[in-house]
Amino acid sequence: MSARPNEEPLFPQHRERPLTPTAAGIVLGTALRQLRKRSGLTATAAAKLINASTSKVSRLERAESPPDRRDVRDLAVSYKATAAQVAELDGLTRRALDPEWFHRYSDYTGEYMRRLIALESQSSSLWTYEGKLTPGLLQTPEYARKIISDGLRISEGEQVELRVALREERQRHFFDQPDPPHATFLLDETVLSRQVGTPQIMLGQLHKLREFSDRPGVTILFVPLNAPFVSLYNSMTHLTFGLGGPPPMVYTEGDDEAQYLIKTEDVERRMETLLRLSHESAAPWRDSRTILRDAITRYST
């Protein structure tokens, strides 16, 4: 006799990585949506079960608002989840409500960036394209300080230093964990020629890029100015997660907007762009090392 639909497993027995609070919220929302659809209910019908609005259920499923333990439990029971499923959903809810390591910096960074920071160290692989500046994950404190102070139009103060400290901690959480994600950075060659601050600041940043490129699991490739194909996006990051983690997603950033893409077709389309940049436009690894070495020579003289 086959199992009822809601008795089918929601989660793998073993997760590849312990879930961070943000990742737990996404896994929770995905599981609730899966249970709701198995039950044949719309989001509107589900909202009536907990005397809430349809938008509240949608935000819960998209992990765009903190989950309420009672709402989660009531929905799970209404969806005819098993006792084991209800217990795991409750565990995910409690984990999702824990503060992230960077919560003390929340006043100094936007919601979209906080979400990216929370998820990048949780990922199993990361692909980033950057068309203007060295990505935050690779910045030196001096380079970051200049960018932040110019953006805020202030030269010093707590606001700047806290943001610089956040970038340093962000790097440690990403690169210094026991099994860091595999990371590929595709950088437009203009990143090397656009001087940020003094030549000494740029030279320090270029040496830092070379240090990062020597790390196992880290690939840094440069897209030459005469490349046949370029991205329409200033910045784009594709994240994949291990067993039991969130579904793949893409973070894109333009001059005046940022967004997360989770629909399969959108994520695959952006990944195709990254792969095309890697295969058709970016200089091979050895040539990219030469491009970086030549840039270091220019700033050294």
C-alpha atoms as a PDB file:
ATOM      1  CA  MET A   1       0.000   0.000   0.000  1.00  0.00           C
ATOM      2  CA  SER A   2       1.527   3.335  -1.038  1.00  0.00           C
ATOM      3  CA  ALA A   3       2.023   6.181   1.433  1.00  0.00           C
ATOM      4  CA  ARG A   4      -0.343   9.131   1.510  1.00  0.00           C
ATOM      5  CA  PRO A   5       1.134  12.187  -0.290  1.00  0.00           C
ATOM      6  CA  ASN A   6       1.973  14.065   2.926  1.00  0.00           C
ATOM      7  CA  GLU A   7       3.755  11.036   4.348  1.00  0.00           C
ATOM      8  CA  GLU A   8       6.401  11.307   1.644  1.00  0.00           C
ATOM      9  CA  PRO A   9       9.700  12.685   3.038  1.00  0.00           C
ATOM     10  CA  LEU A  10      10.057  16.465   3.147  1.00  0.00           C
ATOM     11  CA  PHE A  11      13.709  16.491   4.123  1.00  0.00           C
ATOM     12  CA  PRO A  12      16.776  14.312   3.581  1.00  0.00           C
ATOM     13  CA  GLN A  13      17.960  12.266   6.539  1.00  0.00           C
ATOM     14  CA  HIS A  14      21.314  14.060   6.602  1.00  0.00           C
ATOM     15  CA  ARG A  15      22.119  17.636   5.614  1.00  0.00           C
ATOM     16  CA  GLU A  16      25.375  18.522   3.936  1.00  0.00           C
ATOM     17  CA  ARG A  17      25.737  21.684   6.061  1.00  0.00           C
ATOM     18  CA  PRO A  18      24.074  22.885   9.285  1.00  0.00           C
ATOM     19  CA  LEU A  19      21.458  25.468   8.383  1.00  0.00           C
ATOM     20  CA  THR A  20      21.972  29.132   9.175  1.00  0.00           C
ATOM     21  CA  PRO A  21      18.848  31.010  10.381  1.00  0.00           C
ATOM     22  CA  THR A  22      18.198  32.539   6.955  1.00  0.00           C
ATOM     23  CA  ALA A  23      18.660  29.205   5.185  1.00  0.00           C
ATOM     24  CA  ALA A  24      16.381  27.510   7.745  1.00  0.00           C
ATOM     25  CA  GLY A  25      13.670  30.063   6.981  1.00  0.00           C
ATOM     26  CA  ILE A  26      13.936  29.345   3.247  1.00  0.00           C
ATOM     27  CA  VAL A  27      13.833  25.562   3.771  1.00  0.00           C
ATOM     28  CA  LEU A  28      10.854  26.030   6.095  1.00  0.00           C
ATOM     29  CA  GLY A  29       8.953  28.118   3.557  1.00  0.00           C
ATOM     30  CA  THR A  30       9.715  25.668   0.764  1.00  0.00           C
ATOM     31  CA  ALA A  31       8.471  22.754   2.900  1.00  0.00           C
ATOM     32  CA  LEU A  32       5.246  24.562   3.830  1.00  0.00           C
ATOM     33  CA  ARG A  33       4.546  25.373   0.187  1.00  0.00           C
ATOM     34  CA  GLN A  34       5.208  21.736  -0.718  1.00  0.00           C
ATOM     35  CA  LEU A  35       2.792  20.508   1.984  1.00  0.00           C
ATOM     36  CA  ARG A  36       0.148  23.038   0.968  1.00  0.00           C
ATOM     37  CA  LYS A  37       0.276  21.987  -2.666  1.00  0.00           C
ATOM     38  CA  ARG A  38       0.151  18.299  -1.723  1.00  0.00           C
ATOM     39  CA  SER A  39      -3.015  19.135   0.212  1.00  0.00           C
ATOM     40  CA  GLY A  40      -4.548  20.816  -2.837  1.00  0.00           C
ATOM     41  CA  LEU A  41      -4.950  24.191  -1.093  1.00  0.00           C
ATOM     42  CA  THR A  42      -4.355  27.659  -2.501  1.00  0.00           C
ATOM     43  CA  ALA A  43      -2.485  30.296  -0.509  1.00  0.00           C
ATOM     44  CA  THR A  44      -5.798  32.086   0.001  1.00  0.00           C
ATOM     45  CA  ALA A  45      -7.418  28.961   1.447  1.00  0.00           C
ATOM     46  CA  ALA A  46      -4.396  28.389   3.675  1.00  0.00           C
ATOM     47  CA  ALA A  47      -4.588  31.962   4.962  1.00  0.00           C
ATOM     48  CA  LYS A  48      -8.158  31.390   6.148  1.00  0.00           C
ATOM     49  CA  LEU A  49      -6.957  28.456   8.260  1.00  0.00           C
ATOM     50  CA  ILE A  50      -4.907  30.817  10.438  1.00  0.00           C
ATOM     51  CA  ASN A  51      -7.097  33.943  10.060  1.00  0.00           C
ATOM     52  CA  ALA A  52      -4.384  35.714   8.120  1.00  0.00           C
ATOM     53  CA  SER A  53      -3.969  37.418   4.760  1.00  0.00           C
ATOM     54  CA  THR A  54      -2.858  35.648   1.607  1.00  0.00           C
ATOM     55  CA  SER A  55       0.210  37.881   1.497  1.00  0.00           C
ATOM     56  CA  LYS A  56       1.250  36.653   4.965  1.00  0.00           C
ATOM     57  CA  VAL A  57       1.202  33.043   3.782  1.00  0.00           C
ATOM     58  CA  SER A  58       3.112  34.012   0.650  1.00  0.00           C
ATOM     59  CA  ARG A  59       5.739  35.884   2.665  1.00  0.00           C
ATOM     60  CA  LEU A  60       6.099  32.898   4.971  1.00  0.00           C
ATOM     61  CA  GLU A  61       6.623  30.545   2.030  1.00  0.00           C
ATOM     62  CA  ARG A  62       9.165  32.926   0.471  1.00  0.00           C
ATOM     63  CA  ALA A  63      10.918  33.479   3.825  1.00  0.00           C
ATOM     64  CA  GLU A  64      10.378  37.213   3.556  1.00  0.00           C
ATOM     65  CA  SER A  65       9.153  37.653   7.137  1.00  0.00           C
ATOM     66  CA  PRO A  66       9.953  35.927  10.454  1.00  0.00           C
ATOM     67  CA  PRO A  67       7.847  32.786  10.940  1.00  0.00           C
ATOM     68  CA  ASP A  68       5.357  32.504  13.804  1.00  0.00           C
ATOM     69  CA  ARG A  69       5.618  29.144  15.577  1.00  0.00           C
ATOM     70  CA  ARG A  70       1.873  28.863  16.138  1.00  0.00           C
ATOM     71  CA  ASP A  71       1.059  29.716  12.518  1.00  0.00           C
ATOM     72  CA  VAL A  72       3.578  27.163  11.250  1.00  0.00           C
ATOM     73  CA  ARG A  73       2.209  24.446  13.507  1.00  0.00           C
ATOM     74  CA  ASP A  74      -1.432  25.235  12.669  1.00  0.00           C
ATOM     75  CA  LEU A  75      -0.697  25.185   8.946  1.00  0.00           C
ATOM     76  CA  ALA A  76       1.265  21.949   9.189  1.00  0.00           C
ATOM     77  CA  VAL A  77      -1.559  20.231  11.093  1.00  0.00           C
ATOM     78  CA  SER A  78      -4.129  21.560   8.612  1.00  0.00           C
ATOM     79  CA  TYR A  79      -1.985  20.209   5.775  1.00  0.00           C
ATOM     80  CA  LYS A  80      -2.099  16.793   7.513  1.00  0.00           C
ATOM     81  CA  ALA A  81       1.637  16.704   8.107  1.00  0.00           C
ATOM     82  CA  THR A  82       2.907  13.749  10.108  1.00  0.00           C
ATOM     83  CA  ALA A  83       4.030  14.194  13.721  1.00  0.00           C
ATOM     84  CA  ALA A  84       7.656  13.875  12.615  1.00  0.00           C
ATOM     85  CA  GLN A  85       7.176  16.542   9.950  1.00  0.00           C
ATOM     86  CA  VAL A  86       5.498  18.893  12.431  1.00  0.00           C
ATOM     87  CA  ALA A  87       8.420  18.425  14.825  1.00  0.00           C
ATOM     88  CA  GLU A  88      11.004  19.195  12.148  1.00  0.00           C
ATOM     89  CA  LEU A  89       9.051  22.221  10.931  1.00  0.00           C
ATOM     90  CA  ASP A  90       9.004  23.483  14.509  1.00  0.00           C
ATOM     91  CA  GLY A  91      12.774  22.979  14.722  1.00  0.00           C
ATOM     92  CA  LEU A  92      13.262  24.918  11.494  1.00  0.00           C
ATOM     93  CA  THR A  93      11.073  27.717  12.843  1.00  0.00           C
ATOM     94  CA  ARG A  94      13.106  28.002  16.025  1.00  0.00           C
ATOM     95  CA  ARG A  95      16.327  28.030  14.012  1.00  0.00           C
ATOM     96  CA  ALA A  96      14.953  30.646  11.609  1.00  0.00           C
ATOM     97  CA  LEU A  97      14.221  32.941  14.565  1.00  0.00           C
ATOM     98  CA  ASP A  98      17.812  32.810  15.856  1.00  0.00           C
ATOM     99  CA  PRO A  99      19.877  35.965  15.218  1.00  0.00           C
ATOM    100  CA  GLU A 100      22.447  35.799  12.425  1.00  0.00           C
ATOM    101  CA  TRP A 101      26.118  36.339  13.279  1.00  0.00           C
ATOM    102  CA  PHE A 102      26.002  39.764  11.636  1.00  0.00           C
ATOM    103  CA  HIS A 103      22.877  41.031  13.439  1.00  0.00           C
ATOM    104  CA  ARG A 104      24.873  43.769  15.174  1.00  0.00           C
ATOM    105  CA  TYR A 105      25.591  45.263  11.735  1.00  0.00           C
ATOM    106  CA  SER A 106      21.932  45.285  10.645  1.00  0.00           C
ATOM    107  CA  ASP A 107      21.650  49.071  10.834  1.00  0.00           C
ATOM    108  CA  TYR A 108      24.552  49.449   8.434  1.00  0.00           C
ATOM    109  CA  THR A 109      23.537  47.259   5.529  1.00  0.00           C
ATOM    110  CA  GLY A 110      20.381  46.774   3.464  1.00  0.00           C
ATOM    111  CA  GLU A 111      17.980  43.854   3.675  1.00  0.00           C
ATOM    112  CA  TYR A 112      18.982  42.430   0.296  1.00  0.00           C
ATOM    113  CA  MET A 113      22.676  42.456   1.163  1.00  0.00           C
ATOM    114  CA  ARG A 114      22.013  40.876   4.575  1.00  0.00           C
ATOM    115  CA  ARG A 115      20.241  38.019   2.824  1.00  0.00           C
ATOM    116  CA  LEU A 116      23.189  37.477   0.485  1.00  0.00           C
ATOM    117  CA  ILE A 117      25.676  37.555   3.369  1.00  0.00           C
ATOM    118  CA  ALA A 118      23.564  35.034   5.283  1.00  0.00           C
ATOM    119  CA  LEU A 119      23.421  32.614   2.361  1.00  0.00           C
ATOM    120  CA  GLU A 120      26.819  32.834   0.684  1.00  0.00           C
ATOM    121  CA  SER A 121      28.688  31.036   3.474  1.00  0.00           C
ATOM    122  CA  GLN A 122      25.910  28.410   3.553  1.00  0.00           C
ATOM    123  CA  SER A 123      26.355  27.630  -0.145  1.00  0.00           C
ATOM    124  CA  SER A 124      28.249  24.724  -1.623  1.00  0.00           C
ATOM    125  CA  SER A 125      29.235  26.732  -4.713  1.00  0.00           C
ATOM    126  CA  LEU A 126      29.246  30.409  -5.627  1.00  0.00           C
ATOM    127  CA  TRP A 127      29.658  32.071  -9.013  1.00  0.00           C
ATOM    128  CA  THR A 128      30.012  35.865  -9.115  1.00  0.00           C
ATOM    129  CA  TYR A 129      30.343  38.299 -11.989  1.00  0.00           C
ATOM    130  CA  GLU A 130      31.395  41.864 -11.198  1.00  0.00           C
ATOM    131  CA  GLY A 131      31.706  44.542 -13.848  1.00  0.00           C
ATOM    132  CA  LYS A 132      32.869  47.593 -11.910  1.00  0.00           C
ATOM    133  CA  LEU A 133      34.633  46.914  -8.619  1.00  0.00           C
ATOM    134  CA  THR A 134      36.332  44.129  -6.720  1.00  0.00           C
ATOM    135  CA  PRO A 135      33.552  42.114  -4.998  1.00  0.00           C
ATOM    136  CA  GLY A 136      33.098  42.622  -1.265  1.00  0.00           C
ATOM    137  CA  LEU A 137      34.226  39.069  -0.532  1.00  0.00           C
ATOM    138  CA  LEU A 138      37.650  39.880  -2.004  1.00  0.00           C
ATOM    139  CA  GLN A 139      38.217  43.450  -0.815  1.00  0.00           C
ATOM    140  CA  THR A 140      41.014  44.642   1.435  1.00  0.00           C
ATOM    141  CA  PRO A 141      39.990  46.883   4.365  1.00  0.00           C
ATOM    142  CA  GLU A 142      41.655  49.905   2.707  1.00  0.00           C
ATOM    143  CA  TYR A 143      39.864  49.337  -0.611  1.00  0.00           C
ATOM    144  CA  ALA A 144      36.549  48.764   1.175  1.00  0.00           C
ATOM    145  CA  ARG A 145      37.019  51.862   3.339  1.00  0.00           C
ATOM    146  CA  LYS A 146      37.549  54.069   0.270  1.00  0.00           C
ATOM    147  CA  ILE A 147      34.491  52.696  -1.548  1.00  0.00           C
ATOM    148  CA  ILE A 148      32.275  53.008   1.531  1.00  0.00           C
ATOM    149  CA  SER A 149      33.442  56.503   2.480  1.00  0.00           C
ATOM    150  CA  ASP A 150      32.974  57.733  -1.097  1.00  0.00           C
ATOM    151  CA  GLY A 151      29.518  56.169  -1.263  1.00  0.00           C
ATOM    152  CA  LEU A 152      28.451  57.684   2.076  1.00  0.00           C
ATOM    153  CA  ARG A 153      30.348  60.912   1.347  1.00  0.00           C
ATOM    154  CA  ILE A 154      32.078  60.807   4.700  1.00  0.00           C
ATOM    155  CA  SER A 155      35.766  60.149   5.245  1.00  0.00           C
ATOM    156  CA  GLU A 156      35.714  58.536   8.677  1.00  0.00           C
ATOM    157  CA  GLY A 157      33.529  57.544  11.601  1.00  0.00           C
ATOM    158  CA  GLU A 158      31.735  54.591  13.101  1.00  0.00           C
ATOM    159  CA  GLN A 159      29.464  54.082  10.076  1.00  0.00           C
ATOM    160  CA  VAL A 160      32.450  53.488   7.813  1.00  0.00           C
ATOM    161  CA  GLU A 161      34.450  51.351  10.227  1.00  0.00           C
ATOM    162  CA  LEU A 162      31.535  49.077  11.102  1.00  0.00           C
ATOM    163  CA  ARG A 163      30.889  48.444   7.426  1.00  0.00           C
ATOM    164  CA  VAL A 164      34.572  47.668   6.868  1.00  0.00           C
ATOM    165  CA  ALA A 165      34.537  45.314   9.862  1.00  0.00           C
ATOM    166  CA  LEU A 166      31.473  43.559   8.442  1.00  0.00           C
ATOM    167  CA  ARG A 167      33.304  42.875   5.160  1.00  0.00           C
ATOM    168  CA  GLU A 168      36.293  41.465   7.039  1.00  0.00           C
ATOM    169  CA  GLU A 169      34.066  39.154   9.106  1.00  0.00           C
ATOM    170  CA  ARG A 170      32.137  38.210   5.992  1.00  0.00           C
ATOM    171  CA  GLN A 171      35.367  37.025   4.368  1.00  0.00           C
ATOM    172  CA  ARG A 172      36.318  34.978   7.422  1.00  0.00           C
ATOM    173  CA  HIS A 173      32.906  33.284   7.596  1.00  0.00           C
ATOM    174  CA  PHE A 174      33.095  32.414   3.907  1.00  0.00           C
ATOM    175  CA  PHE A 175      36.735  31.413   3.368  1.00  0.00           C
ATOM    176  CA  ASP A 176      37.886  30.217   6.793  1.00  0.00           C
ATOM    177  CA  GLN A 177      35.190  27.644   7.546  1.00  0.00           C
ATOM    178  CA  PRO A 178      36.282  23.961   7.559  1.00  0.00           C
ATOM    179  CA  ASP A 179      34.828  23.223   4.105  1.00  0.00           C
ATOM    180  CA  PRO A 180      34.412  26.556   2.288  1.00  0.00           C
ATOM    181  CA  PRO A 181      32.237  26.790  -0.820  1.00  0.00           C
ATOM    182  CA  HIS A 182      33.815  26.427  -4.244  1.00  0.00           C
ATOM    183  CA  ALA A 183      33.994  29.992  -5.535  1.00  0.00           C
ATOM    184  CA  THR A 184      34.408  31.326  -9.073  1.00  0.00           C
ATOM    185  CA  PHE A 185      34.815  35.074  -9.587  1.00  0.00           C
ATOM    186  CA  LEU A 186      34.504  36.542 -13.075  1.00  0.00           C
ATOM    187  CA  LEU A 187      35.806  40.121 -12.992  1.00  0.00           C
ATOM    188  CA  ASP A 188      35.717  42.632 -15.818  1.00  0.00           C
ATOM    189  CA  GLU A 189      39.215  43.843 -16.650  1.00  0.00           C
ATOM    190  CA  THR A 190      38.121  47.396 -15.809  1.00  0.00           C
ATOM    191  CA  VAL A 191      38.190  46.324 -12.147  1.00  0.00           C
ATOM    192  CA  LEU A 192      41.998  46.353 -12.462  1.00  0.00           C
ATOM    193  CA  SER A 193      42.303  49.695 -14.242  1.00  0.00           C
ATOM    194  CA  ARG A 194      39.677  51.692 -12.316  1.00  0.00           C
ATOM    195  CA  GLN A 195      41.773  53.163  -9.523  1.00  0.00           C
ATOM    196  CA  VAL A 196      40.108  53.214  -6.118  1.00  0.00           C
ATOM    197  CA  GLY A 197      41.976  55.530  -3.793  1.00  0.00           C
ATOM    198  CA  THR A 198      45.751  55.777  -4.051  1.00  0.00           C
ATOM    199  CA  PRO A 199      48.018  53.531  -6.134  1.00  0.00           C
ATOM    200  CA  GLN A 200      49.113  51.938  -2.843  1.00  0.00           C
ATOM    201  CA  ILE A 201      45.508  50.977  -2.043  1.00  0.00           C
ATOM    202  CA  MET A 202      45.124  49.472  -5.509  1.00  0.00           C
ATOM    203  CA  LEU A 203      48.424  47.628  -5.246  1.00  0.00           C
ATOM    204  CA  GLY A 204      47.362  46.118  -1.928  1.00  0.00           C
ATOM    205  CA  GLN A 205      44.056  45.053  -3.454  1.00  0.00           C
ATOM    206  CA  LEU A 206      45.733  43.408  -6.444  1.00  0.00           C
ATOM    207  CA  HIS A 207      48.102  41.483  -4.198  1.00  0.00           C
ATOM    208  CA  LYS A 208      45.054  40.358  -2.209  1.00  0.00           C
ATOM    209  CA  LEU A 209      43.412  39.087  -5.397  1.00  0.00           C
ATOM    210  CA  ARG A 210      46.535  37.074  -6.149  1.00  0.00           C
ATOM    211  CA  GLU A 211      46.464  35.618  -2.622  1.00  0.00           C
ATOM    212  CA  PHE A 212      42.840  34.613  -3.003  1.00  0.00           C
ATOM    213  CA  SER A 213      43.509  33.043  -6.411  1.00  0.00           C
ATOM    214  CA  ASP A 214      46.098  30.788  -4.753  1.00  0.00           C
ATOM    215  CA  ARG A 215      43.496  29.316  -2.391  1.00  0.00           C
ATOM    216  CA  PRO A 216      42.164  25.819  -3.142  1.00  0.00           C
ATOM    217  CA  GLY A 217      38.640  25.959  -4.520  1.00  0.00           C
ATOM    218  CA  VAL A 218      38.888  29.626  -5.564  1.00  0.00           C
ATOM    219  CA  THR A 219      39.041  30.648  -9.238  1.00  0.00           C
ATOM    220  CA  ILE A 220      39.463  34.260 -10.356  1.00  0.00           C
ATOM    221  CA  LEU A 221      39.168  34.967 -14.081  1.00  0.00           C
ATOM    222  CA  PHE A 222      39.233  38.314 -15.881  1.00  0.00           C
ATOM    223  CA  VAL A 223      36.984  39.312 -18.778  1.00  0.00           C
ATOM    224  CA  PRO A 224      39.150  41.371 -21.194  1.00  0.00           C
ATOM    225  CA  LEU A 225      37.936  44.670 -22.599  1.00  0.00           C
ATOM    226  CA  ASN A 226      37.712  43.162 -26.089  1.00  0.00           C
ATOM    227  CA  ALA A 227      35.681  40.130 -24.949  1.00  0.00           C
ATOM    228  CA  PRO A 228      33.024  39.010 -27.488  1.00  0.00           C
ATOM    229  CA  PHE A 229      30.289  38.694 -24.851  1.00  0.00           C
ATOM    230  CA  VAL A 230      29.551  40.790 -21.763  1.00  0.00           C
ATOM    231  CA  SER A 231      26.831  40.684 -19.131  1.00  0.00           C
ATOM    232  CA  LEU A 232      24.041  43.251 -18.981  1.00  0.00           C
ATOM    233  CA  TYR A 233      24.273  43.140 -15.195  1.00  0.00           C
ATOM    234  CA  ASN A 234      26.765  45.114 -13.120  1.00  0.00           C
ATOM    235  CA  SER A 235      26.872  42.367 -10.532  1.00  0.00           C
ATOM    236  CA  MET A 236      25.424  38.860 -10.360  1.00  0.00           C
ATOM    237  CA  THR A 237      25.889  35.985  -7.916  1.00  0.00           C
ATOM    238  CA  HIS A 238      24.635  32.415  -8.386  1.00  0.00           C
ATOM    239  CA  LEU A 239      24.400  30.200  -5.297  1.00  0.00           C
ATOM    240  CA  THR A 240      23.847  26.465  -5.022  1.00  0.00           C
ATOM    241  CA  PHE A 241      23.384  24.574  -1.776  1.00  0.00           C
ATOM    242  CA  GLY A 242      24.085  21.085  -0.552  1.00  0.00           C
ATOM    243  CA  LEU A 243      21.707  18.297   0.426  1.00  0.00           C
ATOM    244  CA  GLY A 244      18.851  19.602   2.550  1.00  0.00           C
ATOM    245  CA  GLY A 245      19.637  23.261   1.844  1.00  0.00           C
ATOM    246  CA  PRO A 246      17.677  25.955  -0.008  1.00  0.00           C
ATOM    247  CA  PRO A 247      17.076  25.679  -3.765  1.00  0.00           C
ATOM    248  CA  PRO A 248      19.560  27.414  -6.126  1.00  0.00           C
ATOM    249  CA  MET A 249      19.131  31.160  -6.392  1.00  0.00           C
ATOM    250  CA  VAL A 250      20.620  34.236  -8.060  1.00  0.00           C
ATOM    251  CA  TYR A 251      21.262  37.691  -6.653  1.00  0.00           C
ATOM    252  CA  THR A 252      21.519  40.503  -9.216  1.00  0.00           C
ATOM    253  CA  GLU A 253      22.454  44.097  -8.571  1.00  0.00           C
ATOM    254  CA  GLY A 254      22.176  47.147 -10.793  1.00  0.00           C
ATOM    255  CA  ASP A 255      22.758  50.860 -10.259  1.00  0.00           C
ATOM    256  CA  ASP A 256      19.436  51.359  -8.495  1.00  0.00           C
ATOM    257  CA  GLU A 257      17.967  47.942  -7.704  1.00  0.00           C
ATOM    258  CA  ALA A 258      18.741  44.477  -6.403  1.00  0.00           C
ATOM    259  CA  GLN A 259      16.681  41.306  -6.589  1.00  0.00           C
ATOM    260  CA  TYR A 260      16.679  37.588  -5.821  1.00  0.00           C
ATOM    261  CA  LEU A 261      15.614  35.081  -8.429  1.00  0.00           C
ATOM    262  CA  ILE A 262      14.411  31.642  -7.383  1.00  0.00           C
ATOM    263  CA  LYS A 263      12.283  30.465 -10.324  1.00  0.00           C
ATOM    264  CA  THR A 264      14.066  27.595 -12.022  1.00  0.00           C
ATOM    265  CA  GLU A 265      13.973  29.167 -15.496  1.00  0.00           C
ATOM    266  CA  ASP A 266      15.342  32.506 -14.192  1.00  0.00           C
ATOM    267  CA  VAL A 267      18.129  30.845 -12.222  1.00  0.00           C
ATOM    268  CA  GLU A 268      19.129  28.629 -15.151  1.00  0.00           C
ATOM    269  CA  ARG A 269      19.143  31.592 -17.552  1.00  0.00           C
ATOM    270  CA  ARG A 270      21.521  33.567 -15.316  1.00  0.00           C
ATOM    271  CA  MET A 271      23.741  30.526 -14.845  1.00  0.00           C
ATOM    272  CA  GLU A 272      23.922  30.152 -18.615  1.00  0.00           C
ATOM    273  CA  THR A 273      25.136  33.765 -18.764  1.00  0.00           C
ATOM    274  CA  LEU A 274      27.840  33.059 -16.186  1.00  0.00           C
ATOM    275  CA  LEU A 275      28.959  29.927 -18.003  1.00  0.00           C
ATOM    276  CA  ARG A 276      29.036  31.789 -21.307  1.00  0.00           C
ATOM    277  CA  LEU A 277      31.150  34.523 -19.723  1.00  0.00           C
ATOM    278  CA  SER A 278      33.473  31.867 -18.344  1.00  0.00           C
ATOM    279  CA  HIS A 279      33.842  29.868 -21.552  1.00  0.00           C
ATOM    280  CA  GLU A 280      33.597  32.537 -24.270  1.00  0.00           C
ATOM    281  CA  SER A 281      34.807  35.779 -22.715  1.00  0.00           C
ATOM    282  CA  ALA A 282      37.000  35.272 -19.670  1.00  0.00           C
ATOM    283  CA  ALA A 283      40.700  34.754 -20.155  1.00  0.00           C
ATOM    284  CA  PRO A 284      41.858  31.235 -19.218  1.00  0.00           C
ATOM    285  CA  TRP A 285      43.354  30.758 -15.773  1.00  0.00           C
ATOM    286  CA  ARG A 286      46.986  31.188 -16.804  1.00  0.00           C
ATOM    287  CA  ASP A 287      46.185  34.237 -18.957  1.00  0.00           C
ATOM    288  CA  SER A 288      44.147  35.730 -16.109  1.00  0.00           C
ATOM    289  CA  ARG A 289      47.148  35.313 -13.821  1.00  0.00           C
ATOM    290  CA  THR A 290      49.231  37.180 -16.399  1.00  0.00           C
ATOM    291  CA  ILE A 291      46.641  39.973 -16.613  1.00  0.00           C
ATOM    292  CA  LEU A 292      46.737  40.342 -12.833  1.00  0.00           C
ATOM    293  CA  ARG A 293      50.536  40.210 -12.696  1.00  0.00           C
ATOM    294  CA  ASP A 294      50.792  42.952 -15.366  1.00  0.00           C
ATOM    295  CA  ALA A 295      48.374  45.120 -13.380  1.00  0.00           C
ATOM    296  CA  ILE A 296      50.502  44.654 -10.261  1.00  0.00           C
ATOM    297  CA  THR A 297      53.564  45.707 -12.251  1.00  0.00           C
ATOM    298  CA  ARG A 298      51.832  48.866 -13.495  1.00  0.00           C
ATOM    299  CA  TYR A 299      50.839  49.996 -10.021  1.00  0.00           C
ATOM    300  CA  SER A 300      54.234  49.051  -8.619  1.00  0.00           C
ATOM    301  CA  THR A 301      55.961  51.499 -10.970  1.00  0.00           C
END
